[in-house]
Amino acid sequence: MVLQIKEVTKKFGDFTAVNKLDLTIPEKEMFGFLGGNGAGKTTTFRMILGLLDPTEGEVIWDGKKIDYTTSSLIGYLPEERGLYPKLKVRDQIVYLARLRGMNKRDALKELEYWLDRFMVPEYIDKRVEELSKGNQQKIQLIASMIHKPELLILDEPFSGLDPVNVEILKKAVIDLRDSGTTIVFSSHRMEHVEEMCEHLCIMHKGSPLWREN
C-alpha cells in the first residue's frame, strides 16, 4: 500500500504551512521527515491522516483517500500528549483498542506483552498522570500500535526522552517495520532519521529542502 503525497499545499489564510510537497512513500518501509519547529511536518501528518484537507493537491494511500473506513488500519502518535490523565492505563488502552476494532481479550493480551517488553508491567493499573514523561510516551506508543496498523504515523516520538527510553522505543518501532508496517515519522534529530529510515525528506518553512526517495 503505497502512500502518495501529490503536489500538496496547505495554506492558513496568507500563511503557507506546506508548499508543493510531492513524495511517494514505499510500502513496508520507514520514511523520515526531518526539520525544525514550524517546518510543516505536523501539518503534513494531519493531511495524511485526513484531519486537514489540502488547499491544493491530494494524499492517496493504496489508491484512495484516507477516511473513516481506513481508520482501523492506521496508527498515530501525536507530538502532544493525547492520553486521558485520570484514566488507568488498562482502561485507556482497551478503550482505544476497541475503537480500532479489537476485542477486550486481545487488547489486554497485547497490552500485557508491550508493558512487559517496555519493562513496566506494574503500570497497568496506574493512572497516566502518575507516570513520568518517558513512561507516558511508552503508553502512548502502545496506544498507537496495539492494533497492528498497516500505516503508523509518529510525530516526534523521541522528543524529550532520556537515551535509555529512546533506545527502547526505537527497537519497538524498527521491529514493527520489520513485521510489515509502513512507518512515517518526524524528528529534528538527524541521527535518528539516518539510523532508522530508508528514505527521508528534509523540510524547511513548509517546503521540501531535500529529499531521497
Protein backbone atom coordinates (compact mmCIF):
# COMPACT_ATOMS: atom_id res chain seq x y z
CA MET A 1 0.00 0.00 0.00
CA VAL A 2 1.98 2.96 -1.32
CA LEU A 3 1.42 6.39 0.25
CA GLN A 4 1.47 9.23 -2.29
CA ILE A 5 1.62 12.92 -1.44
CA LYS A 6 0.86 14.64 -4.72
CA GLU A 7 1.86 18.32 -5.06
CA VAL A 8 0.27 19.10 -1.70
CA THR A 9 -0.01 22.68 -0.43
CA LYS A 10 -1.70 23.78 2.79
CA LYS A 11 -2.49 27.44 3.46
CA PHE A 12 -3.97 29.07 6.55
CA GLY A 13 -5.07 32.45 5.28
CA ASP A 14 -1.98 34.12 3.84
CA PHE A 15 0.37 31.70 5.61
CA THR A 16 1.64 28.68 3.66
CA ALA A 17 2.37 25.83 6.09
CA VAL A 18 3.23 23.26 3.40
CA ASN A 19 4.23 24.19 -0.13
CA LYS A 20 4.10 21.84 -3.14
CA LEU A 21 5.18 18.68 -1.31
CA ASP A 22 5.44 15.76 -3.70
CA LEU A 23 6.52 12.37 -2.33
CA THR A 24 5.98 8.65 -2.74
CA ILE A 25 6.47 6.63 0.46
CA PRO A 26 7.14 2.94 -0.25
CA GLU A 27 5.14 0.17 1.36
CA LYS A 28 6.58 -1.60 4.44
CA GLU A 29 9.42 0.89 4.87
CA MET A 30 10.30 3.65 7.31
CA PHE A 31 10.27 7.18 5.94
CA GLY A 32 11.59 10.13 7.89
CA PHE A 33 10.67 13.81 7.90
CA LEU A 34 13.48 15.98 9.23
CA GLY A 35 13.12 19.63 10.17
CA GLY A 36 12.85 22.12 12.99
CA ASN A 37 9.73 23.55 14.60
CA GLY A 38 7.47 25.19 12.00
CA ALA A 39 8.90 23.17 9.12
CA GLY A 40 5.49 21.75 8.22
CA LYS A 41 5.92 18.19 9.48
CA THR A 42 2.87 18.05 11.76
CA THR A 43 0.64 19.76 9.18
CA THR A 44 1.75 17.17 6.62
CA PHE A 45 0.88 14.34 9.01
CA ARG A 46 -2.56 15.79 9.69
CA MET A 47 -3.22 15.92 5.96
CA ILE A 48 -2.07 12.31 5.56
CA LEU A 49 -4.48 11.30 8.32
CA GLY A 50 -7.36 13.27 6.79
CA LEU A 51 -7.60 15.63 9.76
CA LEU A 52 -6.81 18.57 7.47
CA ASP A 53 -7.75 18.96 3.83
CA PRO A 54 -5.00 20.17 1.47
CA THR A 55 -5.51 23.56 -0.13
CA GLU A 56 -4.07 22.04 -3.30
CA GLY A 57 -3.01 18.52 -4.27
CA GLU A 58 -4.06 15.21 -2.75
CA VAL A 59 -2.90 12.42 -0.43
CA ILE A 60 -3.52 8.87 -1.66
CA TRP A 61 -2.97 5.59 0.20
CA ASP A 62 -3.50 2.30 -1.60
CA GLY A 63 -5.09 4.18 -4.46
CA LYS A 64 -7.68 6.10 -2.42
CA LYS A 65 -8.07 8.88 0.12
CA ILE A 66 -7.76 8.09 3.81
CA ASP A 67 -11.08 8.40 5.65
CA TYR A 68 -13.04 6.76 8.47
CA THR A 69 -13.20 3.46 6.59
CA THR A 70 -9.41 3.13 6.83
CA SER A 71 -9.00 4.35 10.43
CA SER A 72 -8.64 0.83 11.85
CA LEU A 73 -5.61 0.28 9.59
CA ILE A 74 -3.73 3.37 10.79
CA GLY A 75 -1.94 4.29 13.99
CA TYR A 76 -0.99 7.83 15.05
CA LEU A 77 1.23 9.11 17.82
CA PRO A 78 0.89 12.91 18.04
CA GLU A 79 3.69 15.11 19.28
CA GLU A 80 1.48 16.49 22.05
CA ARG A 81 0.25 14.13 24.77
CA GLY A 82 -3.12 12.69 23.77
CA LEU A 83 -3.99 10.43 26.71
CA TYR A 84 -6.60 10.90 29.43
CA PRO A 85 -4.56 11.67 32.58
CA LYS A 86 -7.16 10.42 35.08
CA LEU A 87 -7.78 7.05 33.42
CA LYS A 88 -5.86 3.92 34.32
CA VAL A 89 -3.58 2.52 31.65
CA ARG A 90 -5.62 -0.71 31.32
CA ASP A 91 -8.94 1.09 30.80
CA GLN A 92 -7.49 3.64 28.43
CA ILE A 93 -5.67 1.24 26.12
CA VAL A 94 -8.56 -1.24 25.97
CA TYR A 95 -10.97 1.59 25.12
CA LEU A 96 -8.74 2.91 22.33
CA ALA A 97 -8.07 -0.59 21.00
CA ARG A 98 -11.79 -1.36 20.82
CA LEU A 99 -12.30 1.81 18.79
CA ARG A 100 -9.87 0.23 16.32
CA GLY A 101 -11.91 -2.97 16.14
CA MET A 102 -10.12 -5.16 18.70
CA ASN A 103 -11.94 -7.21 21.32
CA LYS A 104 -11.11 -6.75 25.01
CA ARG A 105 -9.28 -10.04 25.44
CA ASP A 106 -6.91 -9.46 22.51
CA ALA A 107 -6.32 -5.86 23.59
CA LEU A 108 -5.35 -6.92 27.11
CA LYS A 109 -3.05 -9.62 25.76
CA GLU A 110 -1.24 -7.12 23.53
CA LEU A 111 -1.10 -4.53 26.31
CA GLU A 112 0.49 -7.01 28.73
CA TYR A 113 3.03 -8.00 26.06
CA TRP A 114 4.09 -4.41 25.42
CA LEU A 115 4.19 -3.44 29.10
CA ASP A 116 6.46 -6.43 29.76
CA ARG A 117 8.65 -5.52 26.80
CA PHE A 118 8.90 -1.92 27.98
CA MET A 119 9.73 -3.22 31.48
CA VAL A 120 6.75 -1.53 33.16
CA PRO A 121 4.17 -4.31 33.75
CA GLU A 122 3.24 -2.78 37.11
CA TYR A 123 1.82 0.30 35.37
CA ILE A 124 -1.26 -1.47 34.02
CA ASP A 125 -3.46 -0.19 36.86
CA LYS A 126 -1.81 3.22 37.32
CA ARG A 127 -3.34 6.47 36.11
CA VAL A 128 -1.45 8.16 33.30
CA GLU A 129 -0.87 11.29 35.38
CA GLU A 130 1.14 9.18 37.85
CA LEU A 131 3.71 8.25 35.21
CA SER A 132 6.87 10.05 34.16
CA LYS A 133 7.04 11.73 30.76
CA GLY A 134 9.06 8.84 29.33
CA ASN A 135 6.63 6.22 30.59
CA GLN A 136 3.65 8.23 29.34
CA GLN A 137 5.27 8.16 25.92
CA LYS A 138 5.59 4.37 26.14
CA ILE A 139 1.86 4.10 26.86
CA GLN A 140 1.03 6.48 24.05
CA LEU A 141 3.15 4.45 21.64
CA ILE A 142 1.36 1.28 22.73
CA ALA A 143 -1.96 3.01 22.04
CA SER A 144 -0.84 3.88 18.51
CA MET A 145 0.33 0.39 17.56
CA ILE A 146 -1.65 -2.09 19.68
CA HIS A 147 -3.99 -2.90 16.77
CA LYS A 148 -1.01 -3.70 14.49
CA PRO A 149 -1.67 -0.96 11.93
CA GLU A 150 -0.61 -1.16 8.31
CA LEU A 151 0.40 2.53 8.39
CA LEU A 152 1.89 4.15 11.50
CA ILE A 153 2.45 7.92 11.81
CA LEU A 154 4.82 9.02 14.59
CA ASP A 155 5.25 12.75 15.24
CA GLU A 156 8.49 13.41 17.17
CA PRO A 157 8.24 10.09 19.06
CA PHE A 158 11.58 10.51 20.85
CA SER A 159 11.33 14.19 21.79
CA GLY A 160 12.34 14.90 25.39
CA LEU A 161 13.14 11.28 26.26
CA ASP A 162 16.28 10.06 28.00
CA PRO A 163 18.71 7.90 25.97
CA VAL A 164 17.59 4.62 27.56
CA ASN A 165 13.93 5.17 26.67
CA VAL A 166 14.87 6.38 23.19
CA GLU A 167 16.62 3.08 22.50
CA ILE A 168 13.71 1.02 23.87
CA LEU A 169 11.18 2.84 21.69
CA LYS A 170 13.43 2.79 18.61
CA LYS A 171 13.77 -1.00 18.84
CA ALA A 172 9.99 -1.41 19.10
CA VAL A 173 9.40 0.81 16.05
CA ILE A 174 12.05 -1.00 13.98
CA ASP A 175 10.55 -4.39 14.87
CA LEU A 176 7.12 -3.16 13.80
CA ARG A 177 8.54 -2.06 10.46
CA ASP A 178 10.23 -5.44 10.04
CA SER A 179 6.86 -7.13 10.59
CA GLY A 180 5.42 -5.24 7.60
CA THR A 181 4.09 -1.90 8.85
CA THR A 182 4.74 1.23 6.79
CA ILE A 183 6.08 3.86 9.22
CA VAL A 184 6.35 7.61 8.71
CA PHE A 185 7.99 9.58 11.48
CA SER A 186 9.34 13.04 12.11
CA SER A 187 12.32 14.22 14.09
CA HIS A 188 14.57 17.23 14.42
CA ARG A 189 17.50 14.88 15.13
CA MET A 190 19.44 13.85 12.02
CA GLU A 191 20.98 10.80 13.70
CA HIS A 192 17.58 9.22 14.40
CA VAL A 193 16.46 9.61 10.79
CA GLU A 194 19.78 8.40 9.35
CA GLU A 195 19.83 5.34 11.58
CA MET A 196 16.23 4.22 11.09
CA CYS A 197 14.99 5.34 7.67
CA GLU A 198 15.49 4.06 4.16
CA HIS A 199 14.18 7.35 2.72
CA LEU A 200 13.78 10.87 4.04
CA CYS A 201 12.64 14.40 3.32
CA ILE A 202 14.20 17.49 4.88
CA MET A 203 11.65 20.30 5.27
CA HIS A 204 12.23 23.99 5.90
CA LYS A 205 9.45 26.56 6.30
CA GLY A 206 6.92 24.29 4.62
CA SER A 207 8.98 23.36 1.58
CA PRO A 208 10.99 20.21 0.85
CA LEU A 209 14.61 21.35 1.07
CA TRP A 210 15.98 17.96 0.07
CA ARG A 211 14.52 14.52 -0.35
CA GLU A 212 15.70 10.98 -1.01
CA ASN A 213 13.00 8.62 -2.20
